[in-house]
N, C-alpha and C. Protein backbone atom coordinates (compact mmCIF):
# COMPACT_ATOMS: atom_id res chain seq x y z
N MET A 1 17.85 3.58 5.26
CA MET A 1 18.77 2.05 5.88
C MET A 1 18.32 0.60 4.76
N SER A 2 19.14 0.21 4.44
CA SER A 2 18.67 -1.35 4.23
C SER A 2 18.86 -2.46 5.02
N PHE A 3 18.51 -3.47 4.56
CA PHE A 3 18.53 -4.55 5.77
C PHE A 3 19.55 -5.34 6.03
N ASP A 4 20.03 -5.62 6.86
CA ASP A 4 21.10 -6.51 7.46
C ASP A 4 21.09 -8.17 7.42
N LEU A 5 21.07 -8.36 6.18
CA LEU A 5 21.16 -9.83 5.67
C LEU A 5 22.32 -10.30 5.59
N SER A 6 22.93 -11.89 5.74
CA SER A 6 23.71 -12.28 5.48
C SER A 6 23.53 -12.48 3.53
N ARG A 7 22.73 -12.93 3.11
CA ARG A 7 22.24 -13.27 1.63
C ARG A 7 21.29 -13.53 1.48
N LYS A 8 21.02 -13.59 0.01
CA LYS A 8 19.79 -13.25 -0.72
C LYS A 8 19.81 -14.63 -1.67
N ILE A 9 19.30 -15.30 -1.34
CA ILE A 9 19.33 -16.98 -2.66
C ILE A 9 17.93 -17.20 -3.08
N PHE A 10 16.75 -16.20 -2.51
CA PHE A 10 16.02 -16.69 -3.85
C PHE A 10 15.78 -16.36 -5.00
N ASN A 11 14.81 -17.49 -5.98
CA ASN A 11 15.52 -17.55 -7.29
C ASN A 11 14.25 -18.00 -7.71
N PRO A 12 13.81 -17.36 -8.73
CA PRO A 12 11.78 -17.47 -9.00
C PRO A 12 12.53 -18.65 -9.84
N LEU A 13 13.27 -18.83 -10.80
CA LEU A 13 13.69 -19.89 -11.70
C LEU A 13 13.49 -21.44 -11.27
N GLU A 14 13.97 -21.44 -10.12
CA GLU A 14 13.85 -22.48 -9.35
C GLU A 14 12.82 -23.56 -8.93
N ASP A 15 11.30 -22.52 -9.09
CA ASP A 15 10.14 -23.09 -8.54
C ASP A 15 10.31 -23.63 -7.61
N TYR A 16 10.95 -23.40 -6.34
CA TYR A 16 10.50 -23.91 -4.96
C TYR A 16 9.18 -23.17 -4.48
N LEU A 17 8.64 -24.01 -3.66
CA LEU A 17 7.10 -23.92 -3.34
C LEU A 17 7.19 -23.21 -1.70
N GLY A 18 8.31 -23.91 -1.01
CA GLY A 18 8.47 -23.49 0.36
C GLY A 18 9.85 -23.83 0.88
N VAL A 19 10.13 -23.56 2.25
CA VAL A 19 11.36 -24.27 3.07
C VAL A 19 10.77 -24.94 3.94
N VAL A 20 11.74 -26.00 3.91
CA VAL A 20 11.42 -26.73 5.07
C VAL A 20 12.34 -26.73 6.88
N MET A 21 12.06 -26.88 7.54
CA MET A 21 13.29 -26.91 8.63
C MET A 21 13.27 -28.29 8.98
N GLN A 22 14.81 -28.46 9.18
CA GLN A 22 15.09 -29.66 9.83
C GLN A 22 15.92 -29.75 11.10
N GLN A 23 15.42 -30.78 12.11
CA GLN A 23 16.26 -30.86 13.23
C GLN A 23 17.48 -30.80 13.22
N GLY A 24 17.93 -29.95 14.28
CA GLY A 24 19.44 -29.84 14.71
C GLY A 24 20.25 -29.68 13.69
N ARG A 25 19.20 -28.55 12.72
CA ARG A 25 20.33 -27.88 11.93
C ARG A 25 20.11 -25.78 12.63
N VAL A 26 21.36 -25.56 11.98
CA VAL A 26 21.47 -24.06 12.42
C VAL A 26 20.52 -23.30 11.48
N GLN A 27 20.05 -22.18 11.92
CA GLN A 27 19.08 -21.47 11.59
C GLN A 27 19.93 -19.92 11.35
N THR A 28 19.41 -19.40 9.99
CA THR A 28 20.23 -18.37 9.56
C THR A 28 19.11 -17.81 9.01
N ASP A 29 19.11 -15.99 8.42
CA ASP A 29 18.26 -15.23 8.17
C ASP A 29 17.82 -15.59 6.55
N ALA A 30 18.77 -16.47 5.85
CA ALA A 30 18.26 -16.38 4.22
C ALA A 30 17.79 -17.12 4.27
N ASP A 31 17.36 -18.49 5.06
CA ASP A 31 16.13 -19.36 4.55
C ASP A 31 15.03 -18.78 5.08
N TRP A 32 14.87 -18.24 6.22
CA TRP A 32 13.58 -17.63 6.56
C TRP A 32 13.40 -16.55 5.69
N ASN A 33 14.01 -15.36 5.03
CA ASN A 33 13.93 -14.21 4.10
C ASN A 33 13.67 -15.02 2.71
N THR A 34 13.92 -15.88 2.20
CA THR A 34 13.55 -17.11 0.94
C THR A 34 12.45 -17.66 1.12
N LEU A 35 11.59 -17.83 2.27
CA LEU A 35 10.42 -18.58 2.66
C LEU A 35 9.37 -16.99 2.70
N VAL A 36 9.76 -16.21 2.89
CA VAL A 36 9.07 -14.69 2.34
C VAL A 36 9.46 -14.59 1.10
N ALA A 37 10.08 -14.41 0.61
CA ALA A 37 10.00 -14.27 -1.00
C ALA A 37 9.17 -15.11 -1.76
N GLN A 38 9.35 -16.33 -1.23
CA GLN A 38 9.00 -17.29 -2.24
C GLN A 38 6.95 -16.73 -1.98
N PHE A 39 6.56 -16.54 -1.20
CA PHE A 39 5.41 -16.24 -0.59
C PHE A 39 4.73 -14.59 -1.32
N LYS A 40 5.64 -13.93 -1.27
CA LYS A 40 5.24 -12.76 -1.63
C LYS A 40 5.17 -12.78 -3.25
N ARG A 41 6.25 -13.66 -4.33
CA ARG A 41 6.20 -13.43 -5.18
C ARG A 41 4.84 -14.41 -5.62
N ARG A 42 4.25 -15.40 -4.68
CA ARG A 42 2.78 -16.21 -5.10
C ARG A 42 1.80 -15.43 -4.75
N LEU A 43 1.82 -14.24 -4.26
CA LEU A 43 0.49 -13.78 -3.95
C LEU A 43 0.66 -12.60 -5.17
N GLN A 44 1.85 -11.92 -5.75
CA GLN A 44 1.55 -11.03 -6.24
C GLN A 44 1.44 -11.40 -8.04
N ALA A 45 2.25 -12.53 -8.41
CA ALA A 45 1.98 -13.14 -9.58
C ALA A 45 0.41 -13.87 -9.40
N GLY A 46 -0.21 -14.29 -8.25
CA GLY A 46 -1.56 -14.91 -8.15
C GLY A 46 -2.54 -13.70 -8.34
N SER A 47 -2.55 -12.56 -7.81
CA SER A 47 -3.15 -11.44 -7.98
C SER A 47 -3.16 -10.71 -9.61
N LEU A 48 -1.73 -11.03 -10.35
CA LEU A 48 -1.77 -10.35 -11.42
C LEU A 48 -2.56 -11.01 -12.52
N ASP A 49 -2.55 -12.78 -12.12
CA ASP A 49 -2.81 -13.98 -13.22
C ASP A 49 -4.61 -13.42 -13.35
N THR A 50 -4.81 -13.06 -11.76
CA THR A 50 -6.36 -13.30 -11.57
C THR A 50 -7.13 -11.94 -11.83
N PHE A 51 -6.46 -10.56 -11.70
CA PHE A 51 -6.99 -9.41 -11.94
C PHE A 51 -6.14 -8.55 -12.39
N GLY A 52 -5.45 -9.12 -13.10
CA GLY A 52 -4.64 -8.06 -14.50
C GLY A 52 -3.87 -6.98 -13.67
N PRO A 53 -3.23 -6.01 -14.36
CA PRO A 53 -2.43 -5.12 -13.87
C PRO A 53 -3.20 -4.02 -12.85
N SER A 54 -4.43 -3.73 -12.53
CA SER A 54 -5.12 -2.83 -11.75
C SER A 54 -6.34 -3.59 -11.70
N ALA A 55 -7.12 -2.97 -10.36
CA ALA A 55 -8.26 -3.43 -9.99
C ALA A 55 -8.71 -3.42 -8.62
N VAL A 56 -10.14 -2.89 -8.35
CA VAL A 56 -10.55 -2.89 -7.41
C VAL A 56 -11.72 -3.73 -6.92
N PRO A 57 -11.14 -4.43 -5.84
CA PRO A 57 -12.08 -5.59 -5.39
C PRO A 57 -14.22 -5.44 -5.33
N ARG A 58 -15.00 -6.23 -5.56
CA ARG A 58 -15.97 -5.71 -5.08
C ARG A 58 -16.73 -5.38 -3.71
N GLU A 59 -15.45 -6.10 -2.74
CA GLU A 59 -16.32 -6.13 -1.36
C GLU A 59 -15.71 -4.36 -0.86
N THR A 60 -15.05 -3.65 -1.45
CA THR A 60 -14.48 -1.91 -1.30
C THR A 60 -14.91 -1.74 -2.85
N ALA A 61 -15.75 -1.78 -3.16
CA ALA A 61 -16.23 -0.87 -4.37
C ALA A 61 -15.83 0.46 -4.77
N ASP A 62 -15.91 1.22 -3.50
CA ASP A 62 -15.23 2.51 -3.68
C ASP A 62 -13.72 2.95 -2.96
N GLY A 63 -12.79 1.79 -3.23
CA GLY A 63 -11.76 1.97 -2.97
C GLY A 63 -11.15 3.07 -3.70
N PHE A 64 -10.32 3.88 -3.39
CA PHE A 64 -9.76 4.84 -4.44
C PHE A 64 -10.44 5.92 -5.46
N LEU A 65 -12.15 5.55 -5.09
CA LEU A 65 -12.74 6.63 -5.74
C LEU A 65 -12.44 8.15 -5.60
N ILE A 66 -12.28 8.97 -6.26
CA ILE A 66 -11.78 10.20 -6.41
C ILE A 66 -13.13 11.00 -6.20
N THR A 67 -13.61 11.95 -5.31
CA THR A 67 -14.95 12.47 -5.25
C THR A 67 -14.54 13.98 -4.83
N GLY A 68 -15.06 14.93 -4.01
CA GLY A 68 -14.99 15.89 -4.19
C GLY A 68 -15.29 17.11 -5.24
N SER A 69 -14.20 18.28 -4.41
CA SER A 69 -13.84 19.42 -6.03
C SER A 69 -12.34 18.64 -6.36
N ALA A 70 -11.81 19.66 -8.06
CA ALA A 70 -10.66 19.41 -8.24
C ALA A 70 -9.58 20.09 -7.71
N THR A 71 -9.58 20.82 -6.88
CA THR A 71 -8.35 21.16 -6.01
C THR A 71 -8.92 20.87 -4.31
N ASP A 72 -9.49 20.08 -4.32
CA ASP A 72 -9.37 19.24 -3.17
C ASP A 72 -10.52 17.77 -3.00
N PRO A 73 -9.73 17.25 -3.37
CA PRO A 73 -10.29 16.09 -3.55
C PRO A 73 -10.16 14.87 -2.67
N GLU A 74 -11.06 14.13 -2.10
CA GLU A 74 -11.16 13.14 -1.03
C GLU A 74 -10.84 11.73 -2.07
N ILE A 75 -10.20 10.63 -1.58
CA ILE A 75 -10.13 9.63 -1.78
C ILE A 75 -10.85 8.00 -1.12
N GLY A 76 -11.67 7.73 -1.53
CA GLY A 76 -12.38 6.39 -1.06
C GLY A 76 -11.77 5.51 -0.65
N ALA A 77 -12.36 4.82 0.68
CA ALA A 77 -11.84 3.93 1.50
C ALA A 77 -11.95 2.67 0.77
N GLY A 78 -10.94 1.59 0.79
CA GLY A 78 -10.60 0.26 0.08
C GLY A 78 -9.58 -0.15 -0.35
N ARG A 79 -9.74 -1.28 -0.70
CA ARG A 79 -8.55 -1.58 -1.36
C ARG A 79 -8.60 -1.65 -3.05
N LEU A 80 -6.94 -1.41 -3.44
CA LEU A 80 -6.86 -1.33 -5.11
C LEU A 80 -5.42 -2.54 -5.17
N TYR A 81 -5.64 -3.11 -6.29
CA TYR A 81 -4.67 -3.71 -6.44
C TYR A 81 -3.68 -3.59 -7.99
N VAL A 82 -2.18 -3.33 -7.69
CA VAL A 82 -1.69 -2.37 -8.83
C VAL A 82 -0.47 -3.33 -8.46
N ASP A 83 -0.33 -3.94 -9.96
CA ASP A 83 0.65 -4.81 -10.19
C ASP A 83 0.68 -6.34 -9.42
N GLY A 84 -0.63 -6.26 -8.96
CA GLY A 84 -0.91 -7.40 -7.94
C GLY A 84 0.11 -7.12 -6.52
N LEU A 85 0.11 -5.53 -6.27
CA LEU A 85 0.55 -5.42 -4.78
C LEU A 85 -1.03 -4.74 -4.28
N LEU A 86 -1.40 -5.16 -3.09
CA LEU A 86 -2.43 -5.03 -2.76
C LEU A 86 -2.04 -3.23 -1.77
N ALA A 87 -2.51 -2.40 -2.18
CA ALA A 87 -2.56 -1.10 -1.63
C ALA A 87 -4.09 -0.62 -0.89
N GLU A 88 -3.97 -0.42 0.19
CA GLU A 88 -5.40 -0.25 0.82
C GLU A 88 -5.33 1.07 1.83
N ASN A 89 -6.63 2.01 1.64
CA ASN A 89 -6.80 3.68 2.07
C ASN A 89 -7.55 3.12 3.16
N HIS A 90 -7.25 2.96 4.62
CA HIS A 90 -7.74 2.57 5.78
C HIS A 90 -8.75 3.79 5.98
N THR A 91 -8.51 5.04 5.68
CA THR A 91 -9.59 6.30 6.15
C THR A 91 -9.25 6.11 7.87
N GLU A 92 -10.09 7.58 8.23
CA GLU A 92 -10.09 7.35 9.57
C GLU A 92 -11.13 6.84 10.23
N THR A 93 -12.31 6.70 9.59
CA THR A 93 -13.36 6.27 9.98
C THR A 93 -13.11 4.71 10.52
N LEU A 94 -13.64 4.37 11.63
CA LEU A 94 -13.43 2.96 12.44
C LEU A 94 -14.47 2.09 11.79
N LYS A 95 -14.46 1.00 11.38
CA LYS A 95 -15.00 0.34 11.12
C LYS A 95 -14.70 -1.28 11.23
N TRP A 96 -15.81 -2.35 11.67
CA TRP A 96 -15.65 -3.77 12.09
C TRP A 96 -16.05 -4.19 10.56
N ASP A 97 -14.61 -5.36 10.69
CA ASP A 97 -14.87 -6.00 8.79
C ASP A 97 -15.00 -7.36 9.71
N ALA A 98 -16.18 -8.03 9.31
CA ALA A 98 -16.77 -9.45 9.97
C ALA A 98 -15.92 -10.66 9.18
N ARG A 99 -15.48 -10.26 8.03
CA ARG A 99 -14.93 -11.00 6.82
C ARG A 99 -13.50 -11.69 7.62
N LEU A 100 -12.36 -10.20 7.88
CA LEU A 100 -11.46 -10.35 8.02
C LEU A 100 -11.07 -10.26 9.46
N ALA A 101 -12.25 -10.41 10.60
CA ALA A 101 -12.34 -10.33 11.62
C ALA A 101 -11.09 -9.04 12.20
N GLU A 102 -11.29 -7.89 11.77
CA GLU A 102 -10.45 -6.84 12.40
C GLU A 102 -11.24 -5.56 12.21
N THR A 103 -10.78 -4.69 12.85
CA THR A 103 -11.58 -3.39 12.85
C THR A 103 -10.67 -2.59 12.01
N SER A 104 -10.73 -1.76 10.78
CA SER A 104 -10.32 -0.98 10.11
C SER A 104 -10.61 0.95 10.63
N GLY A 105 -9.65 1.55 9.69
CA GLY A 105 -9.85 2.95 10.07
C GLY A 105 -8.74 3.43 11.31
N THR A 106 -7.99 4.78 10.70
CA THR A 106 -6.81 4.92 11.68
C THR A 106 -7.02 5.23 12.65
N ALA A 107 -8.36 6.23 12.73
CA ALA A 107 -8.60 6.52 14.59
C ALA A 107 -8.31 5.43 15.53
N ARG A 108 -8.36 4.06 15.77
CA ARG A 108 -7.95 2.81 16.28
C ARG A 108 -6.68 3.37 16.69
N LEU A 109 -5.75 4.10 16.03
CA LEU A 109 -4.00 4.22 16.22
C LEU A 109 -4.21 5.02 17.59
N SER A 110 -5.40 5.97 17.69
CA SER A 110 -5.03 6.83 18.85
C SER A 110 -6.55 6.50 20.02
N GLY A 111 -6.53 5.20 19.72
CA GLY A 111 -7.29 4.58 20.82
C GLY A 111 -8.88 4.71 20.84
N ALA A 112 -9.32 5.49 19.84
CA ALA A 112 -10.63 5.74 19.77
C ALA A 112 -11.85 4.50 19.83
N ARG A 113 -12.63 4.67 20.19
CA ARG A 113 -13.88 3.56 20.35
C ARG A 113 -14.32 3.55 19.12
N LEU A 114 -15.09 2.02 18.85
CA LEU A 114 -15.15 1.46 17.54
C LEU A 114 -16.46 2.64 17.20
N ASP A 115 -17.49 2.51 18.53
CA ASP A 115 -18.50 3.43 18.18
C ASP A 115 -18.36 4.95 18.22
N ALA A 116 -16.83 5.74 17.94
CA ALA A 116 -16.87 6.85 18.30
C ALA A 116 -16.88 7.54 16.72
N ALA A 117 -17.62 8.94 16.74
CA ALA A 117 -17.62 9.47 15.45
C ALA A 117 -16.63 9.64 14.85
N PRO A 118 -16.58 9.61 13.20
CA PRO A 118 -15.30 10.42 13.00
C PRO A 118 -15.30 11.88 12.67
N THR A 119 -14.09 12.37 12.57
CA THR A 119 -14.02 13.63 12.23
C THR A 119 -13.96 14.43 11.20
N GLY A 120 -13.66 13.45 10.06
CA GLY A 120 -13.69 13.58 9.11
C GLY A 120 -14.75 13.30 8.26
N PRO A 121 -14.82 13.36 6.52
CA PRO A 121 -15.90 12.97 5.95
C PRO A 121 -15.85 10.93 5.80
N ALA A 122 -16.92 10.29 5.96
CA ALA A 122 -17.13 9.26 6.70
C ALA A 122 -16.61 8.51 5.31
N GLY A 123 -15.62 7.52 5.18
CA GLY A 123 -15.35 6.79 4.02
C GLY A 123 -14.37 7.06 3.48
N THR A 124 -13.86 8.52 3.33
CA THR A 124 -12.68 8.96 2.66
C THR A 124 -11.53 9.50 3.45
N THR A 125 -10.48 9.66 2.61
CA THR A 125 -9.32 10.80 2.95
C THR A 125 -9.04 11.79 2.23
N PRO A 126 -8.97 13.08 2.72
CA PRO A 126 -8.19 13.94 1.86
C PRO A 126 -7.42 13.75 1.02
N TYR A 127 -7.13 14.50 -0.06
CA TYR A 127 -5.85 14.55 -0.83
C TYR A 127 -4.60 15.16 0.06
N THR A 128 -5.03 16.04 0.87
CA THR A 128 -3.86 16.83 1.75
C THR A 128 -3.39 16.10 2.69
N ASP A 129 -4.31 15.28 3.11
CA ASP A 129 -3.40 14.11 4.33
C ASP A 129 -3.39 12.80 4.23
N GLN A 130 -3.19 12.41 3.06
CA GLN A 130 -2.51 11.17 2.31
C GLN A 130 -1.42 10.31 3.49
N PRO A 131 -1.78 9.28 3.97
CA PRO A 131 -0.73 8.96 4.85
C PRO A 131 0.84 8.91 4.46
N TYR A 132 0.88 8.64 3.52
CA TYR A 132 2.38 8.39 2.87
C TYR A 132 2.73 9.31 1.70
N PHE A 133 1.83 10.45 1.88
CA PHE A 133 2.10 11.69 0.66
C PHE A 133 2.19 13.12 1.68
N PRO A 134 2.92 13.26 2.69
CA PRO A 134 3.02 14.70 3.61
C PRO A 134 3.47 15.92 2.61
N ASP A 135 2.28 16.67 2.85
CA ASP A 135 2.47 18.20 1.97
C ASP A 135 1.95 17.71 0.55
N PRO A 136 1.56 17.32 -0.24
CA PRO A 136 1.84 17.50 -1.49
C PRO A 136 1.29 18.25 -2.30
N PRO A 137 1.55 18.35 -3.43
CA PRO A 137 1.59 19.60 -4.18
C PRO A 137 -0.13 19.89 -3.87
N ALA A 138 -0.21 21.60 -4.11
CA ALA A 138 -1.73 22.00 -4.21
C ALA A 138 -2.18 21.54 -5.77
N LEU A 139 -3.31 21.13 -6.06
CA LEU A 139 -3.75 21.09 -7.42
C LEU A 139 -4.45 22.35 -8.03
N PRO A 140 -4.13 22.40 -9.37
CA PRO A 140 -4.63 23.77 -10.10
C PRO A 140 -5.89 23.77 -10.30
N ALA A 141 -6.76 24.97 -10.37
CA ALA A 141 -8.05 25.24 -10.42
C ALA A 141 -8.31 25.46 -11.87
N ASP A 142 -7.53 25.80 -12.56
CA ASP A 142 -7.69 26.50 -14.11
C ASP A 142 -7.62 25.17 -15.05
N GLU A 143 -7.16 24.05 -14.66
CA GLU A 143 -6.60 23.29 -15.71
C GLU A 143 -6.98 21.64 -15.34
N THR A 144 -7.26 21.12 -16.34
CA THR A 144 -7.67 19.52 -15.95
C THR A 144 -6.20 18.91 -15.78
N THR A 145 -6.19 18.07 -14.42
CA THR A 145 -5.33 17.42 -13.45
C THR A 145 -5.57 16.21 -13.81
N LEU A 146 -5.01 14.93 -14.14
CA LEU A 146 -5.41 13.60 -14.12
C LEU A 146 -4.86 13.08 -12.28
N LEU A 147 -5.46 12.50 -11.95
CA LEU A 147 -5.30 12.04 -10.48
C LEU A 147 -5.10 10.41 -11.18
N TYR A 148 -3.46 10.00 -10.20
CA TYR A 148 -3.59 8.38 -10.43
C TYR A 148 -2.77 7.92 -9.19
N VAL A 149 -2.78 6.82 -8.95
CA VAL A 149 -2.26 6.19 -7.66
C VAL A 149 -1.14 5.82 -7.74
N ASP A 150 0.08 6.10 -7.14
CA ASP A 150 1.50 5.35 -7.25
C ASP A 150 1.96 4.62 -6.14
N VAL A 151 1.75 2.98 -6.30
CA VAL A 151 2.23 2.08 -5.30
C VAL A 151 3.43 1.18 -5.42
N TRP A 152 4.17 1.65 -4.59
CA TRP A 152 5.10 0.34 -4.53
C TRP A 152 5.69 0.12 -3.05
N GLN A 153 6.75 -0.49 -3.18
CA GLN A 153 6.87 -1.62 -1.60
C GLN A 153 8.72 -0.55 -1.00
N ARG A 154 8.72 -0.68 0.12
CA ARG A 154 9.93 -0.19 0.93
C ARG A 154 10.07 -0.72 2.21
N ASP A 155 11.24 -0.42 2.64
CA ASP A 155 11.89 -1.37 3.42
C ASP A 155 11.70 -0.11 4.83
N ILE A 156 11.37 -0.83 5.79
CA ILE A 156 11.49 -0.45 7.37
C ILE A 156 12.40 -0.62 7.99
N THR A 157 13.01 -0.42 8.81
CA THR A 157 13.82 -0.71 9.92
C THR A 157 13.64 0.27 11.03
N TYR A 158 14.16 -0.29 12.26
CA TYR A 158 13.96 0.48 13.71
C TYR A 158 14.16 2.49 13.66
N LEU A 159 14.85 2.19 12.70
CA LEU A 159 15.13 4.07 12.48
C LEU A 159 14.13 4.57 11.62
N GLN A 160 13.05 4.12 11.64
CA GLN A 160 11.45 4.94 10.83
C GLN A 160 10.62 4.03 11.84
N ASP A 161 10.58 3.17 12.43
CA ASP A 161 9.96 2.84 13.75
C ASP A 161 10.45 1.96 14.69
N ALA A 162 10.72 3.18 15.32
CA ALA A 162 10.97 2.44 16.82
C ALA A 162 10.36 1.44 17.58
N GLY A 163 9.30 0.92 17.25
CA GLY A 163 8.65 -0.35 17.75
C GLY A 163 9.51 -1.82 17.30
N LEU A 164 10.42 -1.42 16.24
CA LEU A 164 10.61 -2.79 16.12
C LEU A 164 11.94 -3.14 16.72
N VAL A 165 12.52 -2.36 17.91
CA VAL A 165 13.14 -2.20 18.66
C VAL A 165 12.59 -3.20 20.36
N ASP A 166 13.07 -4.69 20.32
CA ASP A 166 12.48 -5.34 21.45
C ASP A 166 13.11 -5.04 22.68
N ALA A 167 11.82 -4.75 23.45
CA ALA A 167 11.97 -3.98 24.61
C ALA A 167 12.67 -4.80 25.61
N ALA A 168 12.76 -6.48 25.34
CA ALA A 168 13.44 -7.34 26.28
C ALA A 168 15.15 -7.31 26.26
N VAL A 169 15.63 -6.80 25.00
CA VAL A 169 17.00 -7.38 24.67
C VAL A 169 17.77 -5.73 24.31
N GLY A 170 16.62 -4.76 23.86
CA GLY A 170 17.15 -3.27 23.78
C GLY A 170 17.52 -3.16 22.27
N VAL A 171 17.56 -3.97 21.49
CA VAL A 171 18.17 -4.21 20.00
C VAL A 171 16.68 -4.13 19.08
N ASP A 172 16.77 -4.11 17.62
CA ASP A 172 15.85 -4.54 17.00
C ASP A 172 16.30 -6.07 16.68
N THR A 173 15.26 -6.86 16.42
CA THR A 173 15.73 -8.04 16.02
C THR A 173 15.26 -8.87 14.44
N THR A 174 13.86 -7.94 14.19
CA THR A 174 13.84 -8.17 12.68
C THR A 174 13.65 -6.50 11.73
N ALA A 175 13.14 -6.83 10.95
CA ALA A 175 12.47 -5.23 9.84
C ALA A 175 11.55 -5.67 9.33
N ARG A 176 10.82 -4.62 8.47
CA ARG A 176 9.44 -4.75 7.90
C ARG A 176 9.56 -4.39 6.53
N GLN A 177 8.76 -4.96 5.61
CA GLN A 177 8.40 -4.36 3.94
C GLN A 177 7.24 -3.73 4.10
N GLN A 178 7.14 -2.99 3.49
CA GLN A 178 5.41 -2.16 3.95
C GLN A 178 5.09 -1.60 2.39
N THR A 179 3.75 -1.99 2.04
CA THR A 179 3.29 -1.38 0.80
C THR A 179 2.63 0.22 1.13
N VAL A 180 2.97 1.07 0.47
CA VAL A 180 2.80 2.25 0.43
C VAL A 180 2.13 2.95 -0.80
N TRP A 181 1.46 3.77 -1.12
CA TRP A 181 0.87 4.72 -2.35
C TRP A 181 0.49 6.34 -1.82
N GLN A 182 0.59 6.72 -2.99
CA GLN A 182 -0.12 8.21 -3.10
C GLN A 182 -0.72 8.36 -3.99
N VAL A 183 -1.53 9.08 -3.80
CA VAL A 183 -2.56 10.03 -5.02
C VAL A 183 -1.59 11.12 -5.67
N LYS A 184 -0.96 11.16 -6.56
CA LYS A 184 -0.56 11.93 -7.20
C LYS A 184 -1.25 12.85 -8.07
N GLY A 185 -0.95 13.82 -8.93
CA GLY A 185 -1.67 14.66 -9.93
C GLY A 185 -0.83 15.31 -11.27
N LEU A 186 -0.79 14.63 -12.40
CA LEU A 186 -0.45 14.98 -13.41
C LEU A 186 -1.00 16.18 -13.98
N THR A 187 -0.07 17.50 -14.02
CA THR A 187 -1.01 18.57 -14.57
C THR A 187 -0.13 18.38 -16.48
N GLY A 188 -1.02 19.42 -16.90
CA GLY A 188 -0.82 19.48 -18.27
C GLY A 188 -1.12 18.88 -19.40
N VAL A 189 -2.06 18.15 -19.16
CA VAL A 189 -2.97 16.93 -20.01
C VAL A 189 -3.91 17.53 -21.39
N GLY A 190 -4.26 18.53 -20.92
CA GLY A 190 -5.29 18.95 -21.95
C GLY A 190 -6.70 18.25 -21.75
N ASP A 191 -7.24 18.25 -22.47
CA ASP A 191 -8.83 17.76 -22.77
C ASP A 191 -8.79 16.01 -22.76
N ILE A 192 -8.49 15.61 -21.88
CA ILE A 192 -8.12 14.38 -21.93
C ILE A 192 -10.09 13.61 -21.13
N ASP A 193 -10.14 12.26 -21.22
CA ASP A 193 -11.20 11.76 -20.30
C ASP A 193 -10.77 10.33 -20.08
N ALA A 194 -11.47 9.49 -19.64
CA ALA A 194 -11.12 8.26 -19.06
C ALA A 194 -11.32 7.09 -19.78
N GLY A 195 -11.30 7.94 -21.05
CA GLY A 195 -10.90 6.55 -22.59
C GLY A 195 -10.56 6.74 -23.29
N THR A 196 -9.46 8.07 -22.95
CA THR A 196 -8.00 8.42 -23.83
C THR A 196 -7.30 7.24 -23.36
N PRO A 197 -6.47 7.05 -24.42
CA PRO A 197 -5.40 6.08 -24.67
C PRO A 197 -4.16 6.43 -24.24
N ASP A 198 -3.42 5.60 -23.21
CA ASP A 198 -1.99 6.10 -22.43
C ASP A 198 -1.06 7.30 -23.34
N VAL A 199 -0.81 6.65 -24.55
CA VAL A 199 0.02 6.88 -25.45
C VAL A 199 -0.55 8.42 -26.26
N ASP A 200 -2.06 8.92 -25.97
CA ASP A 200 -1.88 10.06 -26.07
C ASP A 200 -2.16 11.24 -25.09
N ILE A 201 -1.92 10.72 -23.66
CA ILE A 201 -1.86 11.49 -22.75
C ILE A 201 -0.66 12.56 -22.26
N PRO A 202 -0.41 13.89 -22.55
CA PRO A 202 1.08 14.36 -22.14
C PRO A 202 1.68 14.06 -21.36
N GLY A 203 3.07 13.30 -21.18
CA GLY A 203 3.78 12.85 -19.91
C GLY A 203 3.26 12.09 -19.68
N TRP A 204 2.40 11.04 -19.79
CA TRP A 204 2.18 10.11 -18.70
C TRP A 204 3.04 8.85 -18.90
N LEU A 205 3.92 8.59 -20.00
CA LEU A 205 4.38 7.86 -20.28
C LEU A 205 5.95 7.82 -20.44
N GLN A 206 6.35 9.02 -20.12
CA GLN A 206 7.61 9.51 -19.46
C GLN A 206 8.26 9.20 -17.93
């Protein structure tokens, strides 16, 4: 379901850097959403200019690192920037991040304590248990598979997240945009390695 918007007026060619509220004026969704769009573009453009098309920060050096077996890989906890978008694998393990002043780890969603022992391998997410990729296809054991991370943004309304309904008024008041990721496998790539140019990987540029 798409957002219920009056209009979209953001234009990056105008080089506006903010939206200023004036007293006594009628407030509309368009102005607020324009501010969000300006902020999003600034973050994405800044990330692209700083890191390039893809990068893993030093603070989470194992972010999306693939370990384990060929048929049952594990995905490392941490952050990854793809085309300026921030993807984050939180994993289940609870951990306090002093710099961001937050607790990471999906176990907190079930009310687990910070000192609770993780139920899975520390710092990884199984390929078969990805948060945004239910029931991924099995990976073959008899051929080389190229694993890659697909990152995009999607719109979320109260139909996907009932928590967006305001209990005080009984209806949704806002919606959300979400960055999601999936680790996928490309089979039939033949004898390749990390140094193989993209154009030489069968099926990669299709």
